[in-house]
Every structure is written in C-alpha cells, then in structure tokens.
Amino acid sequence: MELLDIYDDNGNITGKTIVRGDKTVKLSPNEHIAVGVIFIENDKGEFLIQKTSPEKGGEFGTTGGHIDAGETPLASIKREVKEELGINIDQDQIQEYGYFLFDMPIRFLFYLRKNIELKDITVQKEEVEWVKYMTIAEIEELIETNQMLKSHALLLKELMNIKNSKEG
C-alpha cells in the first residue's frame, strides 16, 4: 500500500495522506497529490525523453512520478530516476524550480544538466519502453501532434522560460 501526502495550493503538506489509487477519496479543490518531474539535458542541448510503456499509455514524457508520503520532492525525483532509468544522480547537481499547479496533482519541477550515456541506462520495462535524447524541435513536434504528456509539455515550457530568463 503506497501512501501519498496531500498538499495545499501553496505546495505545503497538509498532514493528510491517501492511499494511492483509492478512487473513493474526494479531495477538496485546494487539496492535491504531488508528483516530481525532471528534465535531463546533455551538453548538446538535447533532453532525455522517454516513451512510456504501453501499460502506461505509450506517450512521450520525461522522468517523474508520485511523491510518497514522508518523502521530499527531491528524494522522490532521485528515486524515480533510479527506478525508471537505473541511474544514480547526485542531488547537488539537481536544480529545483518549485511547483506548478496545472490540474489536480501539484508538479515539482527539477532540472539536471548531465551527459548520461544511453548505454548506461536500464529502463524499468513496466514504466518505460525506451529513452533517447531529443532536440527542442523534435520535442515540439511531439507536443504539436499530441504525443507528449500535456503536463510534461507545460513543464518544459516553464523550464525553457526559466532558462531563457537566466540567460537573458
């Protein structure tokens, strides 16, 4: 049984938990579960994108997942990268960009600039069919053709805005 913390609109833990997948629980409009999402970019400016397994919808996205009860968003993203890609990442290299509320789950956004060799990745077949590096143009094509998870597309847009404001 996997427990998830409930967050408020401000990204704070409320002290309530729910069992993941329990459809009988109705959250109020200001209550949310949370997920963490990380975009990994190599030195060529390409992002590590995964195609989810057929059981998970076969859509494109980046690495991420639910934040378990008692777990910090940062710890959850390290765990998800290890589970989905078989890679250990150093939390000191991860940049955290806060949370975004697009719909019911709050999404914590993370970024890592690191050259990870595809040969070093071992995908979790239950979650991920395959991974590859893609350019922004290739990712935009996935977004335009509705092949990318909508929330991941929105988060990538937020990340690019943040990166562009830092460079400008």
Protein backbone atom coordinates (compact mmCIF):
# COMPACT_ATOMS: atom_id res chain seq x y z
CA MET A 1 0.00 0.00 0.00
CA GLU A 2 1.51 3.28 -1.17
CA LEU A 3 0.59 6.41 0.81
CA LEU A 4 0.69 9.89 -0.66
CA ASP A 5 0.80 13.19 1.22
CA ILE A 6 -1.87 15.77 0.46
CA TYR A 7 -0.61 19.26 -0.42
CA ASP A 8 -2.44 22.60 -0.41
CA ASP A 9 -2.44 25.13 -3.26
CA ASN A 10 0.79 26.65 -1.89
CA GLY A 11 2.73 23.39 -2.10
CA ASN A 12 2.61 22.72 1.64
CA ILE A 13 1.91 19.32 3.12
CA THR A 14 -1.43 19.37 4.95
CA GLY A 15 -0.79 16.44 7.28
CA LYS A 16 -3.36 14.28 5.47
CA THR A 17 -2.50 11.21 3.43
CA ILE A 18 -4.36 8.99 0.99
CA VAL A 19 -3.75 5.55 -0.42
CA ARG A 20 -2.51 5.84 -4.00
CA GLY A 21 -5.21 4.86 -6.44
CA ASP A 22 -8.08 5.00 -3.93
CA LYS A 23 -10.90 6.31 -6.14
CA THR A 24 -13.28 6.66 -3.17
CA VAL A 25 -11.33 9.62 -1.74
CA LYS A 26 -12.56 13.00 -2.91
CA LEU A 27 -10.11 15.83 -2.41
CA SER A 28 -11.35 19.38 -1.93
CA PRO A 29 -10.42 21.96 -4.61
CA ASN A 30 -7.40 23.14 -2.60
CA GLU A 31 -6.06 19.63 -1.88
CA HIS A 32 -3.64 17.88 -4.22
CA ILE A 33 -1.35 14.91 -4.51
CA ALA A 34 2.13 15.71 -5.82
CA VAL A 35 4.48 14.42 -8.48
CA GLY A 36 8.06 15.29 -9.28
CA VAL A 37 9.31 15.72 -12.86
CA ILE A 38 12.91 16.15 -14.01
CA PHE A 39 14.28 17.27 -17.34
CA ILE A 40 17.79 15.99 -18.04
CA GLU A 41 19.72 17.94 -20.66
CA ASN A 42 23.06 16.98 -22.20
CA ASP A 43 25.80 19.36 -23.33
CA LYS A 44 24.36 19.34 -26.87
CA GLY A 45 21.13 20.94 -25.62
CA GLU A 46 19.15 17.71 -26.08
CA PHE A 47 16.73 16.41 -23.48
CA LEU A 48 16.40 12.81 -22.33
CA ILE A 49 12.86 11.85 -23.35
CA GLN A 50 11.16 8.54 -22.69
CA LYS A 51 8.32 6.73 -24.36
CA THR A 52 6.14 5.29 -21.64
CA SER A 53 5.31 1.60 -21.76
CA PRO A 54 2.05 0.56 -23.46
CA GLU A 55 0.60 -0.14 -19.98
CA LYS A 56 1.32 3.49 -19.04
CA GLY A 57 -0.22 4.91 -22.22
CA GLY A 58 2.68 4.86 -24.70
CA GLU A 59 3.04 8.64 -24.57
CA PHE A 60 6.26 10.63 -24.53
CA GLY A 61 7.46 12.47 -21.47
CA THR A 62 10.34 12.87 -19.12
CA THR A 63 11.21 11.05 -15.91
CA GLY A 64 8.96 11.57 -12.91
CA GLY A 65 6.43 10.12 -10.54
CA HIS A 66 4.39 10.43 -7.39
CA ILE A 67 5.95 11.77 -4.22
CA ASP A 68 5.39 9.23 -1.46
CA ALA A 69 4.16 10.21 2.00
CA GLY A 70 7.04 11.49 4.11
CA GLU A 71 9.29 11.87 1.08
CA THR A 72 10.68 15.20 -0.09
CA PRO A 73 10.19 16.14 -3.75
CA LEU A 74 13.98 15.98 -4.26
CA ALA A 75 14.22 12.50 -2.73
CA SER A 76 11.33 11.35 -4.90
CA ILE A 77 12.98 12.53 -8.12
CA LYS A 78 16.23 10.77 -7.22
CA ARG A 79 14.22 7.60 -6.55
CA GLU A 80 12.26 7.90 -9.80
CA VAL A 81 15.43 8.37 -11.88
CA LYS A 82 16.92 5.27 -10.22
CA GLU A 83 13.73 3.21 -10.71
CA GLU A 84 12.90 4.28 -14.27
CA LEU A 85 16.41 4.69 -15.73
CA GLY A 86 18.68 2.68 -13.41
CA ILE A 87 20.83 5.78 -12.85
CA ASN A 88 22.00 7.33 -9.59
CA ILE A 89 22.11 11.11 -9.70
CA ASP A 90 23.81 13.47 -7.27
CA GLN A 91 21.29 15.76 -5.62
CA ASP A 92 23.85 18.57 -5.52
CA GLN A 93 23.66 18.76 -9.33
CA ILE A 94 19.85 18.95 -9.45
CA GLN A 95 18.20 22.34 -9.76
CA GLU A 96 14.75 22.68 -8.23
CA TYR A 97 12.33 25.18 -9.74
CA GLY A 98 9.40 24.91 -7.37
CA TYR A 99 5.92 23.64 -8.07
CA PHE A 100 3.26 24.24 -10.66
CA LEU A 101 -0.46 23.62 -10.36
CA PHE A 102 -1.97 22.83 -13.77
CA ASP A 103 -4.62 20.41 -12.58
CA MET A 104 -5.17 18.13 -9.60
CA PRO A 105 -1.58 16.94 -8.96
CA ILE A 106 0.94 19.59 -8.00
CA ARG A 107 4.06 19.13 -10.10
CA PHE A 108 7.51 19.86 -8.68
CA LEU A 109 9.95 20.76 -11.46
CA PHE A 110 13.59 19.70 -11.47
CA TYR A 111 16.42 20.14 -13.98
CA LEU A 112 19.73 18.36 -14.38
CA ARG A 113 22.43 19.15 -16.89
CA LYS A 114 24.40 15.94 -17.26
CA ASN A 115 25.75 13.80 -20.06
CA ILE A 116 24.24 10.40 -19.40
CA GLU A 117 25.19 7.74 -21.92
CA LEU A 118 22.19 5.84 -23.28
CA LYS A 119 24.15 2.59 -22.91
CA ASP A 120 24.30 3.22 -19.14
CA ILE A 121 20.51 3.38 -18.83
CA THR A 122 18.45 0.37 -17.81
CA VAL A 123 14.78 1.20 -18.27
CA GLN A 124 12.08 -0.11 -15.97
CA LYS A 125 10.02 -2.01 -18.57
CA GLU A 126 6.76 -1.66 -16.59
CA GLU A 127 7.06 2.14 -16.89
CA VAL A 128 9.33 2.95 -19.83
CA GLU A 129 9.51 1.43 -23.32
CA TRP A 130 12.66 3.34 -24.39
CA VAL A 131 14.58 6.60 -23.98
CA LYS A 132 16.50 8.85 -26.34
CA TYR A 133 17.89 12.35 -26.49
CA MET A 134 15.75 14.79 -28.46
CA THR A 135 16.19 18.35 -29.61
CA ILE A 136 13.69 21.05 -28.68
CA ALA A 137 12.41 20.94 -32.29
CA GLU A 138 11.76 17.18 -32.03
CA ILE A 139 10.00 17.63 -28.69
CA GLU A 140 7.89 20.47 -30.10
CA GLU A 141 6.78 18.10 -32.89
CA LEU A 142 5.67 15.58 -30.25
CA ILE A 143 3.76 18.34 -28.46
CA GLU A 144 2.11 19.60 -31.66
CA THR A 145 0.98 16.07 -32.57
CA ASN A 146 -0.35 15.40 -29.04
CA GLN A 147 2.12 12.59 -28.41
CA MET A 148 3.68 14.13 -25.30
CA LEU A 149 2.07 14.17 -21.88
CA LYS A 150 0.36 17.53 -21.63
CA SER A 151 1.67 18.28 -18.14
CA HIS A 152 5.25 17.48 -19.24
CA ALA A 153 4.85 19.79 -22.25
CA LEU A 154 3.66 22.58 -19.96
CA LEU A 155 6.54 21.99 -17.55
CA LEU A 156 9.07 22.03 -20.38
CA LYS A 157 7.68 25.40 -21.46
CA GLU A 158 8.11 26.66 -17.87
CA LEU A 159 11.66 25.31 -17.75
CA MET A 160 12.57 26.98 -21.04
CA ASN A 161 11.13 30.29 -19.76
CA ILE A 162 13.26 29.98 -16.61
CA LYS A 163 16.39 29.10 -18.59
CA ASN A 164 15.82 31.94 -21.08
CA SER A 165 15.30 34.50 -18.29
CA LYS A 166 18.59 33.42 -16.67
CA GLU A 167 20.48 33.66 -19.96
CA GLY A 168 18.90 36.99 -20.95
